[in-house]
PDB file of N, CA and C in Angstrom:
ATOM      1  N   MET A   1       7.778 -52.131 -49.183  1.00  0.00           N
ATOM      2  CA  MET A   1       6.480 -52.209 -49.815  1.00  0.00           C
ATOM      3  C   MET A   1       5.748 -50.907 -49.545  1.00  0.00           C
ATOM      4  N   THR A   2       5.025 -50.480 -50.515  1.00  0.00           N
ATOM      5  CA  THR A   2       4.248 -49.261 -50.346  1.00  0.00           C
ATOM      6  C   THR A   2       2.810 -49.522 -50.762  1.00  0.00           C
ATOM      7  N   ALA A   3       2.014 -48.521 -50.586  1.00  0.00           N
ATOM      8  CA  ALA A   3       0.595 -48.546 -50.974  1.00  0.00           C
ATOM      9  C   ALA A   3      -0.154 -49.631 -50.221  1.00  0.00           C
ATOM     10  N   GLY A   4      -1.135 -50.233 -50.857  1.00  0.00           N
ATOM     11  CA  GLY A   4      -2.014 -51.182 -50.194  1.00  0.00           C
ATOM     12  C   GLY A   4      -1.294 -52.355 -49.562  1.00  0.00           C
ATOM     13  N   THR A   5      -0.298 -52.904 -50.241  1.00  0.00           N
ATOM     14  CA  THR A   5       0.409 -54.068 -49.701  1.00  0.00           C
ATOM     15  C   THR A   5       1.167 -53.719 -48.437  1.00  0.00           C
ATOM     16  N   GLY A   6       1.884 -52.633 -48.465  1.00  0.00           N
ATOM     17  CA  GLY A   6       2.678 -52.259 -47.304  1.00  0.00           C
ATOM     18  C   GLY A   6       1.859 -51.737 -46.149  1.00  0.00           C
ATOM     19  N   GLU A   7       0.791 -51.043 -46.465  1.00  0.00           N
ATOM     20  CA  GLU A   7       0.025 -50.375 -45.420  1.00  0.00           C
ATOM     21  C   GLU A   7      -1.167 -51.171 -44.910  1.00  0.00           C
ATOM     22  N   HIS A   8      -1.802 -51.951 -45.783  1.00  0.00           N
ATOM     23  CA  HIS A   8      -3.110 -52.506 -45.429  1.00  0.00           C
ATOM     24  C   HIS A   8      -3.222 -54.024 -45.521  1.00  0.00           C
ATOM     25  N   GLN A   9      -2.113 -54.737 -45.688  1.00  0.00           N
ATOM     26  CA  GLN A   9      -2.192 -56.193 -45.792  1.00  0.00           C
ATOM     27  C   GLN A   9      -1.224 -56.861 -44.816  1.00  0.00           C
ATOM     28  N   PRO A  10      -1.604 -56.892 -43.540  1.00  0.00           N
ATOM     29  CA  PRO A  10      -0.711 -57.484 -42.541  1.00  0.00           C
ATOM     30  C   PRO A  10      -0.395 -58.950 -42.817  1.00  0.00           C
ATOM     31  N   GLU A  11      -1.300 -59.675 -43.482  1.00  0.00           N
ATOM     32  CA  GLU A  11      -1.035 -61.086 -43.770  1.00  0.00           C
ATOM     33  C   GLU A  11       0.140 -61.238 -44.744  1.00  0.00           C
ATOM     34  N   VAL A  12       0.292 -60.301 -45.660  1.00  0.00           N
ATOM     35  CA  VAL A  12       1.439 -60.341 -46.578  1.00  0.00           C
ATOM     36  C   VAL A  12       2.716 -60.033 -45.808  1.00  0.00           C
ATOM     37  N   ARG A  13       2.677 -58.998 -44.983  1.00  0.00           N
ATOM     38  CA  ARG A  13       3.857 -58.666 -44.177  1.00  0.00           C
ATOM     39  C   ARG A  13       4.229 -59.821 -43.253  1.00  0.00           C
ATOM     40  N   ASP A  14       3.234 -60.508 -42.711  1.00  0.00           N
ATOM     41  CA  ASP A  14       3.486 -61.622 -41.804  1.00  0.00           C
ATOM     42  C   ASP A  14       4.235 -62.750 -42.508  1.00  0.00           C
ATOM     43  N   ARG A  15       3.941 -62.954 -43.778  1.00  0.00           N
ATOM     44  CA  ARG A  15       4.606 -64.011 -44.540  1.00  0.00           C
ATOM     45  C   ARG A  15       6.076 -63.684 -44.807  1.00  0.00           C
ATOM     46  N   LEU A  16       6.481 -62.449 -44.561  1.00  0.00           N
ATOM     47  CA  LEU A  16       7.871 -62.044 -44.786  1.00  0.00           C
ATOM     48  C   LEU A  16       8.717 -62.088 -43.517  1.00  0.00           C
ATOM     49  N   ARG A  17       8.178 -62.653 -42.455  1.00  0.00           N
ATOM     50  CA  ARG A  17       8.933 -62.717 -41.195  1.00  0.00           C
ATOM     51  C   ARG A  17      10.240 -63.471 -41.341  1.00  0.00           C
ATOM     52  N   TRP A  18      10.318 -64.410 -42.275  1.00  0.00           N
ATOM     53  CA  TRP A  18      11.546 -65.189 -42.459  1.00  0.00           C
ATOM     54  C   TRP A  18      12.725 -64.289 -42.822  1.00  0.00           C
ATOM     55  N   THR A  19      12.464 -63.085 -43.312  1.00  0.00           N
ATOM     56  CA  THR A  19      13.544 -62.168 -43.681  1.00  0.00           C
ATOM     57  C   THR A  19      14.155 -61.484 -42.463  1.00  0.00           C
ATOM     58  N   GLY A  20      13.549 -61.674 -41.309  1.00  0.00           N
ATOM     59  CA  GLY A  20      14.035 -61.023 -40.100  1.00  0.00           C
ATOM     60  C   GLY A  20      13.193 -59.824 -39.728  1.00  0.00           C
ATOM     61  N   ALA A  21      12.150 -59.566 -40.481  1.00  0.00           N
ATOM     62  CA  ALA A  21      11.298 -58.404 -40.234  1.00  0.00           C
ATOM     63  C   ALA A  21      10.140 -58.778 -39.311  1.00  0.00           C
ATOM     64  N   ALA A  22      10.457 -59.195 -38.110  1.00  0.00           N
ATOM     65  CA  ALA A  22       9.451 -59.538 -37.107  1.00  0.00           C
ATOM     66  C   ALA A  22       9.528 -58.523 -35.974  1.00  0.00           C
ATOM     67  N   PRO A  23       8.440 -58.358 -35.224  1.00  0.00           N
ATOM     68  CA  PRO A  23       8.444 -57.360 -34.142  1.00  0.00           C
ATOM     69  C   PRO A  23       9.584 -57.529 -33.141  1.00  0.00           C
ATOM     70  N   ASP A  24      10.016 -58.762 -32.879  1.00  0.00           N
ATOM     71  CA  ASP A  24      11.077 -58.987 -31.895  1.00  0.00           C
ATOM     72  C   ASP A  24      12.454 -59.157 -32.543  1.00  0.00           C
ATOM     73  N   SER A  25      12.574 -58.796 -33.807  1.00  0.00           N
ATOM     74  CA  SER A  25      13.819 -58.952 -34.553  1.00  0.00           C
ATOM     75  C   SER A  25      14.755 -57.764 -34.337  1.00  0.00           C
ATOM     76  N   PRO A  26      16.080 -57.992 -34.423  1.00  0.00           N
ATOM     77  CA  PRO A  26      17.021 -56.872 -34.348  1.00  0.00           C
ATOM     78  C   PRO A  26      17.065 -56.056 -35.646  1.00  0.00           C
ATOM     79  N   VAL A  27      16.371 -56.524 -36.663  1.00  0.00           N
ATOM     80  CA  VAL A  27      16.337 -55.807 -37.946  1.00  0.00           C
ATOM     81  C   VAL A  27      15.415 -54.600 -37.815  1.00  0.00           C
ATOM     82  N   ALA A  28      15.901 -53.441 -38.224  1.00  0.00           N
ATOM     83  CA  ALA A  28      15.074 -52.230 -38.180  1.00  0.00           C
ATOM     84  C   ALA A  28      14.121 -52.212 -39.374  1.00  0.00           C
ATOM     85  N   VAL A  29      12.859 -52.029 -39.093  1.00  0.00           N
ATOM     86  CA  VAL A  29      11.851 -51.920 -40.142  1.00  0.00           C
ATOM     87  C   VAL A  29      11.189 -50.565 -39.989  1.00  0.00           C
ATOM     88  N   LEU A  30      11.179 -49.789 -41.051  1.00  0.00           N
ATOM     89  CA  LEU A  30      10.612 -48.447 -41.013  1.00  0.00           C
ATOM     90  C   LEU A  30       9.305 -48.399 -41.779  1.00  0.00           C
ATOM     91  N   VAL A  31       8.372 -47.637 -41.268  1.00  0.00           N
ATOM     92  CA  VAL A  31       7.129 -47.361 -41.977  1.00  0.00           C
ATOM     93  C   VAL A  31       7.219 -45.915 -42.431  1.00  0.00           C
ATOM     94  N   ILE A  32       7.252 -45.722 -43.740  1.00  0.00           N
ATOM     95  CA  ILE A  32       7.389 -44.385 -44.306  1.00  0.00           C
ATOM     96  C   ILE A  32       6.201 -44.129 -45.224  1.00  0.00           C
ATOM     97  N   PRO A  33       5.277 -43.271 -44.810  1.00  0.00           N
ATOM     98  CA  PRO A  33       4.130 -42.970 -45.669  1.00  0.00           C
ATOM     99  C   PRO A  33       4.603 -42.370 -46.997  1.00  0.00           C
ATOM    100  N   THR A  34       3.945 -42.764 -48.067  1.00  0.00           N
ATOM    101  CA  THR A  34       4.328 -42.262 -49.384  1.00  0.00           C
ATOM    102  C   THR A  34       3.126 -41.692 -50.119  1.00  0.00           C
ATOM    103  N   ASP A  35       3.413 -40.900 -51.101  1.00  0.00           N
ATOM    104  CA  ASP A  35       2.393 -40.395 -52.016  1.00  0.00           C
ATOM    105  C   ASP A  35       2.923 -40.690 -53.414  1.00  0.00           C
ATOM    106  N   GLU A  36       2.743 -41.925 -53.856  1.00  0.00           N
ATOM    107  CA  GLU A  36       3.325 -42.369 -55.111  1.00  0.00           C
ATOM    108  C   GLU A  36       2.846 -41.547 -56.298  1.00  0.00           C
ATOM    109  N   GLU A  37       1.584 -41.165 -56.290  1.00  0.00           N
ATOM    110  CA  GLU A  37       1.062 -40.375 -57.396  1.00  0.00           C
ATOM    111  C   GLU A  37       1.795 -39.045 -57.514  1.00  0.00           C
ATOM    112  N   GLN A  38       2.088 -38.430 -56.378  1.00  0.00           N
ATOM    113  CA  GLN A  38       2.805 -37.154 -56.392  1.00  0.00           C
ATOM    114  C   GLN A  38       4.237 -37.337 -56.875  1.00  0.00           C
ATOM    115  N   VAL A  39       4.876 -38.409 -56.463  1.00  0.00           N
ATOM    116  CA  VAL A  39       6.246 -38.680 -56.906  1.00  0.00           C
ATOM    117  C   VAL A  39       6.282 -38.871 -58.419  1.00  0.00           C
ATOM    118  N   VAL A  40       5.346 -39.637 -58.961  1.00  0.00           N
ATOM    119  CA  VAL A  40       5.298 -39.858 -60.406  1.00  0.00           C
ATOM    120  C   VAL A  40       5.032 -38.548 -61.133  1.00  0.00           C
ATOM    121  N   ALA A  41       4.103 -37.754 -60.638  1.00  0.00           N
ATOM    122  CA  ALA A  41       3.801 -36.468 -61.269  1.00  0.00           C
ATOM    123  C   ALA A  41       5.015 -35.544 -61.247  1.00  0.00           C
ATOM    124  N   ASN A  42       5.715 -35.485 -60.135  1.00  0.00           N
ATOM    125  CA  ASN A  42       6.915 -34.644 -60.040  1.00  0.00           C
ATOM    126  C   ASN A  42       7.982 -35.082 -61.038  1.00  0.00           C
ATOM    127  N   GLU A  43       8.207 -36.382 -61.143  1.00  0.00           N
ATOM    128  CA  GLU A  43       9.220 -36.886 -62.071  1.00  0.00           C
ATOM    129  C   GLU A  43       8.814 -36.632 -63.519  1.00  0.00           C
ATOM    130  N   ALA A  44       7.542 -36.800 -63.832  1.00  0.00           N
ATOM    131  CA  ALA A  44       7.073 -36.532 -65.195  1.00  0.00           C
ATOM    132  C   ALA A  44       7.267 -35.061 -65.532  1.00  0.00           C
ATOM    133  N   PHE A  45       6.963 -34.191 -64.600  1.00  0.00           N
ATOM    134  CA  PHE A  45       7.140 -32.758 -64.825  1.00  0.00           C
ATOM    135  C   PHE A  45       8.620 -32.414 -64.973  1.00  0.00           C
ATOM    136  N   ARG A  46       9.447 -33.009 -64.115  1.00  0.00           N
ATOM    137  CA  ARG A  46      10.877 -32.708 -64.113  1.00  0.00           C
ATOM    138  C   ARG A  46      11.575 -33.211 -65.374  1.00  0.00           C
ATOM    139  N   THR A  47      11.193 -34.371 -65.865  1.00  0.00           N
ATOM    140  CA  THR A  47      11.906 -34.983 -66.987  1.00  0.00           C
ATOM    141  C   THR A  47      11.196 -34.829 -68.322  1.00  0.00           C
ATOM    142  N   GLY A  48       9.985 -34.306 -68.303  1.00  0.00           N
ATOM    143  CA  GLY A  48       9.222 -34.160 -69.543  1.00  0.00           C
ATOM    144  C   GLY A  48       9.746 -33.034 -70.419  1.00  0.00           C
ATOM    145  N   PRO A  49       9.135 -32.876 -71.583  1.00  0.00           N
ATOM    146  CA  PRO A  49       9.572 -31.815 -72.497  1.00  0.00           C
ATOM    147  C   PRO A  49       9.342 -30.429 -71.890  1.00  0.00           C
ATOM    148  N   GLU A  50      10.207 -29.505 -72.293  1.00  0.00           N
ATOM    149  CA  GLU A  50      10.049 -28.128 -71.804  1.00  0.00           C
ATOM    150  C   GLU A  50       8.794 -27.514 -72.405  1.00  0.00           C
ATOM    151  N   ARG A  51       8.220 -26.608 -71.656  1.00  0.00           N
ATOM    152  CA  ARG A  51       7.004 -25.947 -72.143  1.00  0.00           C
ATOM    153  C   ARG A  51       7.355 -24.683 -72.852  1.00  0.00           C
TER     154      ARG A  51
END
């Protein structure tokens, strides 16, 4: 999950504990900050029409 759900809604993350993503779980959970707007802009520039 990224953006608001992944970063700012612990109650949503808490509801996913059944997947094994709990603090005491052997499952590795990574927090990776993202800049989704930049990723979309880069892809649009890369795949868009040539100038």
